[in-house]
């Protein structure tokens, strides 16, 4: 877990020097993640990291900085095969922070892509949409 001082250092860097595009390649336990300050955000794959906070804290820090000064249009694609309970909590936090972009009058488009018959992933997306009052496009693929 990050210390408070380290967290401020990460956020100060993001605010002070502009945001960098971050891209994480998938592993057997973590998803592909694209965080592009131009407004393109993507999560794809399965998320069962052994230390969820270690994987997602920097991503959450990036999203926090992004939401403070977003571009006019933000496009989010979420195409997860599986999310463990820890990932689900972080996904909720990420989406809650992204909702601020929409609340501030910027365009936010979220696509939740799920495989045909995968009711668990569909229902997870519907849950997020419901409790966050988010407009999410649900896209079923074969």
C-alpha atoms as a PDB file:
ATOM      1  CA  UNK A   1       0.000   0.000   0.000  1.00  0.00           C
ATOM      2  CA  UNK A   2       1.201   3.505  -0.749  1.00  0.00           C
ATOM      3  CA  UNK A   3       2.082   5.826   2.079  1.00  0.00           C
ATOM      4  CA  UNK A   4       0.232   9.113   2.175  1.00  0.00           C
ATOM      5  CA  UNK A   5       3.406  11.007   1.243  1.00  0.00           C
ATOM      6  CA  UNK A   6       4.039   8.724  -1.722  1.00  0.00           C
ATOM      7  CA  UNK A   7       0.436   9.151  -2.874  1.00  0.00           C
ATOM      8  CA  UNK A   8       0.790  12.943  -2.826  1.00  0.00           C
ATOM      9  CA  UNK A   9       4.017  12.629  -4.771  1.00  0.00           C
ATOM     10  CA  UNK A  10       2.301  10.581  -7.490  1.00  0.00           C
ATOM     11  CA  UNK A  11      -0.605  13.041  -7.686  1.00  0.00           C
ATOM     12  CA  UNK A  12       1.723  16.064  -7.684  1.00  0.00           C
ATOM     13  CA  UNK A  13       3.633  14.573 -10.604  1.00  0.00           C
ATOM     14  CA  UNK A  14       0.430  13.969 -12.536  1.00  0.00           C
ATOM     15  CA  UNK A  15      -0.816  17.502 -11.904  1.00  0.00           C
ATOM     16  CA  UNK A  16       2.513  19.307 -12.298  1.00  0.00           C
ATOM     17  CA  UNK A  17       3.949  17.672 -15.367  1.00  0.00           C
ATOM     18  CA  UNK A  18       0.858  16.760 -17.325  1.00  0.00           C
ATOM     19  CA  UNK A  19      -0.566  13.333 -17.641  1.00  0.00           C
ATOM     20  CA  UNK A  20       1.192  10.559 -19.436  1.00  0.00           C
ATOM     21  CA  UNK A  21      -0.492   7.796 -21.346  1.00  0.00           C
ATOM     22  CA  UNK A  22      -0.267   4.608 -19.308  1.00  0.00           C
ATOM     23  CA  UNK A  23      -0.650   1.152 -20.771  1.00  0.00           C
ATOM     24  CA  UNK A  24      -0.490  -2.135 -18.900  1.00  0.00           C
ATOM     25  CA  UNK A  25      -0.249  -5.360 -20.874  1.00  0.00           C
ATOM     26  CA  UNK A  26      -2.415  -8.235 -19.635  1.00  0.00           C
ATOM     27  CA  UNK A  27      -1.145 -11.149 -17.580  1.00  0.00           C
ATOM     28  CA  UNK A  28      -2.918 -14.298 -16.462  1.00  0.00           C
ATOM     29  CA  UNK A  29      -4.133 -12.371 -13.414  1.00  0.00           C
ATOM     30  CA  UNK A  30      -4.436  -8.755 -14.556  1.00  0.00           C
ATOM     31  CA  UNK A  31      -6.280  -7.057 -17.417  1.00  0.00           C
ATOM     32  CA  UNK A  32      -5.039  -4.920 -20.268  1.00  0.00           C
ATOM     33  CA  UNK A  33      -5.409  -1.292 -19.179  1.00  0.00           C
ATOM     34  CA  UNK A  34      -5.132   1.821 -21.325  1.00  0.00           C
ATOM     35  CA  UNK A  35      -5.269   5.258 -19.719  1.00  0.00           C
ATOM     36  CA  UNK A  36      -4.887   7.944 -22.359  1.00  0.00           C
ATOM     37  CA  UNK A  37      -5.189  11.613 -21.366  1.00  0.00           C
ATOM     38  CA  UNK A  38      -6.812  12.294 -24.754  1.00  0.00           C
ATOM     39  CA  UNK A  39      -9.929  10.635 -23.282  1.00  0.00           C
ATOM     40  CA  UNK A  40      -9.574   6.935 -24.140  1.00  0.00           C
ATOM     41  CA  UNK A  41      -9.751   4.512 -21.221  1.00  0.00           C
ATOM     42  CA  UNK A  42      -9.932   0.752 -21.588  1.00  0.00           C
ATOM     43  CA  UNK A  43      -9.991  -2.316 -19.350  1.00  0.00           C
ATOM     44  CA  UNK A  44     -10.001  -5.763 -20.954  1.00  0.00           C
ATOM     45  CA  UNK A  45      -9.465  -9.271 -19.637  1.00  0.00           C
ATOM     46  CA  UNK A  46      -9.592 -10.914 -16.250  1.00  0.00           C
ATOM     47  CA  UNK A  47      -8.716  -9.315 -12.964  1.00  0.00           C
ATOM     48  CA  UNK A  48      -7.667 -11.565 -10.109  1.00  0.00           C
ATOM     49  CA  UNK A  49      -4.477  -9.917  -8.841  1.00  0.00           C
ATOM     50  CA  UNK A  50      -3.059 -11.245  -5.584  1.00  0.00           C
ATOM     51  CA  UNK A  51      -2.708  -7.687  -4.272  1.00  0.00           C
ATOM     52  CA  UNK A  52      -5.584  -5.699  -5.746  1.00  0.00           C
ATOM     53  CA  UNK A  53      -4.534  -2.389  -4.191  1.00  0.00           C
ATOM     54  CA  UNK A  54      -0.999  -2.720  -5.529  1.00  0.00           C
ATOM     55  CA  UNK A  55      -2.366  -3.094  -9.068  1.00  0.00           C
ATOM     56  CA  UNK A  56      -5.209  -0.547  -8.939  1.00  0.00           C
ATOM     57  CA  UNK A  57      -3.949   2.294  -6.683  1.00  0.00           C
ATOM     58  CA  UNK A  58      -1.827   3.924  -9.410  1.00  0.00           C
ATOM     59  CA  UNK A  59      -4.700   3.504 -11.862  1.00  0.00           C
ATOM     60  CA  UNK A  60      -7.063   5.175  -9.393  1.00  0.00           C
ATOM     61  CA  UNK A  61      -4.547   8.004  -8.856  1.00  0.00           C
ATOM     62  CA  UNK A  62      -4.391   8.531 -12.635  1.00  0.00           C
ATOM     63  CA  UNK A  63      -8.210   8.601 -12.869  1.00  0.00           C
ATOM     64  CA  UNK A  64      -8.406  11.125 -10.009  1.00  0.00           C
ATOM     65  CA  UNK A  65      -5.975  13.434 -11.796  1.00  0.00           C
ATOM     66  CA  UNK A  66      -7.733  12.876 -15.141  1.00  0.00           C
ATOM     67  CA  UNK A  67     -11.167  13.707 -13.702  1.00  0.00           C
ATOM     68  CA  UNK A  68      -9.885  17.018 -12.365  1.00  0.00           C
ATOM     69  CA  UNK A  69      -9.146  18.269 -15.895  1.00  0.00           C
ATOM     70  CA  UNK A  70     -10.685  15.975 -18.527  1.00  0.00           C
ATOM     71  CA  UNK A  71     -10.863  16.515 -22.278  1.00  0.00           C
ATOM     72  CA  UNK A  72     -14.214  17.407 -23.831  1.00  0.00           C
ATOM     73  CA  UNK A  73     -14.960  13.740 -24.635  1.00  0.00           C
ATOM     74  CA  UNK A  74     -14.072  10.666 -22.585  1.00  0.00           C
ATOM     75  CA  UNK A  75     -14.663   7.183 -23.987  1.00  0.00           C
ATOM     76  CA  UNK A  76     -14.418   4.204 -21.627  1.00  0.00           C
ATOM     77  CA  UNK A  77     -14.498   0.574 -22.795  1.00  0.00           C
ATOM     78  CA  UNK A  78     -14.769  -2.129 -20.148  1.00  0.00           C
ATOM     79  CA  UNK A  79     -14.566  -5.678 -21.457  1.00  0.00           C
ATOM     80  CA  UNK A  80     -13.895  -7.924 -18.506  1.00  0.00           C
ATOM     81  CA  UNK A  81     -14.013 -11.707 -18.476  1.00  0.00           C
ATOM     82  CA  UNK A  82     -13.884 -11.932 -14.702  1.00  0.00           C
ATOM     83  CA  UNK A  83     -13.527  -9.574 -11.735  1.00  0.00           C
ATOM     84  CA  UNK A  84     -12.781 -10.787  -8.234  1.00  0.00           C
ATOM     85  CA  UNK A  85     -14.403  -9.037  -5.275  1.00  0.00           C
ATOM     86  CA  UNK A  86     -11.413  -6.758  -4.674  1.00  0.00           C
ATOM     87  CA  UNK A  87     -11.389  -5.675  -8.310  1.00  0.00           C
ATOM     88  CA  UNK A  88     -15.139  -5.039  -8.165  1.00  0.00           C
ATOM     89  CA  UNK A  89     -14.603  -2.568  -5.321  1.00  0.00           C
ATOM     90  CA  UNK A  90     -11.890  -0.733  -7.271  1.00  0.00           C
ATOM     91  CA  UNK A  91     -14.004  -0.705 -10.436  1.00  0.00           C
ATOM     92  CA  UNK A  92     -16.778   0.947  -8.430  1.00  0.00           C
ATOM     93  CA  UNK A  93     -14.331   3.581  -7.154  1.00  0.00           C
ATOM     94  CA  UNK A  94     -12.971   4.182 -10.677  1.00  0.00           C
ATOM     95  CA  UNK A  95     -16.438   4.578 -12.179  1.00  0.00           C
ATOM     96  CA  UNK A  96     -17.548   6.832  -9.326  1.00  0.00           C
ATOM     97  CA  UNK A  97     -14.603   9.130 -10.011  1.00  0.00           C
ATOM     98  CA  UNK A  98     -15.290   9.060 -13.782  1.00  0.00           C
ATOM     99  CA  UNK A  99     -18.908  10.038 -13.102  1.00  0.00           C
ATOM    100  CA  UNK A 100     -17.536  13.398 -11.928  1.00  0.00           C
ATOM    101  CA  UNK A 101     -16.450  14.014 -15.533  1.00  0.00           C
ATOM    102  CA  UNK A 102     -20.069  13.644 -16.642  1.00  0.00           C
ATOM    103  CA  UNK A 103     -21.347  15.695 -13.698  1.00  0.00           C
ATOM    104  CA  UNK A 104     -19.004  18.546 -14.647  1.00  0.00           C
ATOM    105  CA  UNK A 105     -20.603  18.804 -18.109  1.00  0.00           C
ATOM    106  CA  UNK A 106     -18.026  16.901 -20.141  1.00  0.00           C
ATOM    107  CA  UNK A 107     -19.109  14.065 -22.413  1.00  0.00           C
ATOM    108  CA  UNK A 108     -18.634  10.617 -20.875  1.00  0.00           C
ATOM    109  CA  UNK A 109     -19.404   7.469 -22.864  1.00  0.00           C
ATOM    110  CA  UNK A 110     -19.029   4.098 -21.149  1.00  0.00           C
ATOM    111  CA  UNK A 111     -19.334   0.804 -23.020  1.00  0.00           C
ATOM    112  CA  UNK A 112     -19.657  -2.350 -20.931  1.00  0.00           C
ATOM    113  CA  UNK A 113     -18.858  -5.265 -23.229  1.00  0.00           C
ATOM    114  CA  UNK A 114     -19.795  -8.787 -22.143  1.00  0.00           C
ATOM    115  CA  UNK A 115     -19.918 -12.218 -23.749  1.00  0.00           C
ATOM    116  CA  UNK A 116     -23.248 -13.696 -24.733  1.00  0.00           C
ATOM    117  CA  UNK A 117     -24.662 -15.645 -21.796  1.00  0.00           C
ATOM    118  CA  UNK A 118     -22.279 -14.124 -19.226  1.00  0.00           C
ATOM    119  CA  UNK A 119     -24.971 -12.913 -16.856  1.00  0.00           C
ATOM    120  CA  UNK A 120     -22.494 -12.332 -14.004  1.00  0.00           C
ATOM    121  CA  UNK A 121     -20.520  -9.701 -15.910  1.00  0.00           C
ATOM    122  CA  UNK A 122     -23.689  -8.118 -17.321  1.00  0.00           C
ATOM    123  CA  UNK A 123     -25.259  -7.918 -13.863  1.00  0.00           C
ATOM    124  CA  UNK A 124     -22.083  -6.399 -12.410  1.00  0.00           C
ATOM    125  CA  UNK A 125     -22.250  -3.616 -15.006  1.00  0.00           C
ATOM    126  CA  UNK A 126     -25.959  -3.104 -14.388  1.00  0.00           C
ATOM    127  CA  UNK A 127     -25.256  -2.860 -10.659  1.00  0.00           C
ATOM    128  CA  UNK A 128     -22.659  -0.126 -11.229  1.00  0.00           C
ATOM    129  CA  UNK A 129     -25.019   1.743 -13.563  1.00  0.00           C
ATOM    130  CA  UNK A 130     -27.804   1.567 -10.996  1.00  0.00           C
ATOM    131  CA  UNK A 131     -25.988   2.613  -7.829  1.00  0.00           C
ATOM    132  CA  UNK A 132     -23.925   5.314  -9.550  1.00  0.00           C
ATOM    133  CA  UNK A 133     -26.779   6.520 -11.772  1.00  0.00           C
ATOM    134  CA  UNK A 134     -24.478   6.109 -14.778  1.00  0.00           C
ATOM    135  CA  UNK A 135     -25.531   5.812 -18.400  1.00  0.00           C
ATOM    136  CA  UNK A 136     -23.689   2.687 -19.550  1.00  0.00           C
ATOM    137  CA  UNK A 137     -24.034   1.143 -23.020  1.00  0.00           C
ATOM    138  CA  UNK A 138     -24.246  -2.639 -22.681  1.00  0.00           C
ATOM    139  CA  UNK A 139     -22.803  -4.469 -25.680  1.00  0.00           C
ATOM    140  CA  UNK A 140     -23.201  -8.233 -26.005  1.00  0.00           C
ATOM    141  CA  UNK A 141     -20.628 -10.093 -28.119  1.00  0.00           C
ATOM    142  CA  UNK A 142     -20.437 -13.720 -29.191  1.00  0.00           C
END
